């Protein structure tokens, strides 16, 4: 079972619910446009997908920041 935040959201679900105009806009837009995005996935699942897509290092750093935000909800 995937880890969830206090609201019961997986990281993937939480990320997809974020507004595309936030500081995570590139990551949110990439996730929304990727049919293979791990919607019920953990931060590690998202990192794995970014590796598969050969995303740049900045995108990976945003996942680290987003994980902290997700856990605080």
Protein backbone atom coordinates (compact mmCIF):
# COMPACT_ATOMS: atom_id res chain seq x y z
CA UNK A 1 0.00 0.00 0.00
CA UNK A 2 1.27 3.47 -0.85
CA UNK A 3 2.11 5.94 1.86
CA UNK A 4 -0.38 8.76 2.32
CA UNK A 5 -0.33 12.15 4.01
CA UNK A 6 -2.65 13.10 6.86
CA UNK A 7 -5.41 13.78 4.34
CA UNK A 8 -5.14 10.24 2.95
CA UNK A 9 -3.62 11.37 -0.34
CA UNK A 10 -0.78 9.56 -2.05
CA UNK A 11 2.02 11.79 -3.27
CA UNK A 12 0.93 11.34 -6.89
CA UNK A 13 -2.69 12.29 -6.14
CA UNK A 14 -1.61 15.30 -4.11
CA UNK A 15 0.77 16.49 -6.82
CA UNK A 16 -1.87 16.23 -9.54
CA UNK A 17 -4.24 18.34 -7.43
CA UNK A 18 -1.76 21.23 -7.22
CA UNK A 19 -2.31 24.34 -9.31
CA UNK A 20 -0.13 24.67 -12.36
CA UNK A 21 0.83 28.21 -11.34
CA UNK A 22 2.57 27.16 -8.12
CA UNK A 23 6.34 26.96 -7.68
CA UNK A 24 6.09 23.32 -8.74
CA UNK A 25 4.43 24.26 -12.04
CA UNK A 26 6.83 22.37 -14.33
CA UNK A 27 6.49 19.19 -12.29
CA UNK A 28 2.71 19.50 -12.00
CA UNK A 29 2.33 20.13 -15.74
CA UNK A 30 4.63 17.22 -16.60
CA UNK A 31 2.67 14.92 -14.29
CA UNK A 32 -0.68 15.97 -15.73
CA UNK A 33 0.60 15.39 -19.27
CA UNK A 34 2.11 11.97 -18.60
CA UNK A 35 -0.28 9.05 -19.05
CA UNK A 36 2.21 6.81 -17.22
CA UNK A 37 2.56 9.10 -14.21
CA UNK A 38 2.22 7.07 -10.97
CA UNK A 39 -1.02 8.66 -9.76
CA UNK A 40 -1.17 6.49 -6.64
CA UNK A 41 2.57 6.51 -6.27
CA UNK A 42 5.02 7.57 -3.61
CA UNK A 43 7.71 10.22 -3.99
CA UNK A 44 10.12 7.41 -4.89
CA UNK A 45 7.73 6.20 -7.60
CA UNK A 46 7.67 9.73 -9.04
CA UNK A 47 11.47 9.93 -8.90
CA UNK A 48 11.69 6.60 -10.72
CA UNK A 49 9.35 7.90 -13.43
CA UNK A 50 11.41 11.08 -13.79
CA UNK A 51 14.52 8.93 -14.20
CA UNK A 52 12.75 6.90 -16.90
CA UNK A 53 11.86 10.14 -18.67
CA UNK A 54 15.43 11.45 -18.23
CA UNK A 55 14.19 14.59 -16.49
CA UNK A 56 16.76 17.20 -15.55
CA UNK A 57 18.17 17.57 -12.06
CA UNK A 58 16.07 20.65 -11.32
CA UNK A 59 12.89 18.61 -11.71
CA UNK A 60 14.22 16.02 -9.28
CA UNK A 61 15.00 18.76 -6.74
CA UNK A 62 11.41 19.98 -7.02
CA UNK A 63 10.20 16.49 -6.07
CA UNK A 64 12.25 16.72 -2.87
CA UNK A 65 10.63 20.06 -1.99
CA UNK A 66 7.18 18.81 -2.97
CA UNK A 67 7.57 15.74 -0.76
CA UNK A 68 8.10 17.99 2.27
CA UNK A 69 5.00 20.01 1.35
CA UNK A 70 2.92 16.86 0.81
CA UNK A 71 3.85 15.44 4.20
CA UNK A 72 2.82 18.68 5.90
CA UNK A 73 -0.79 18.44 4.61
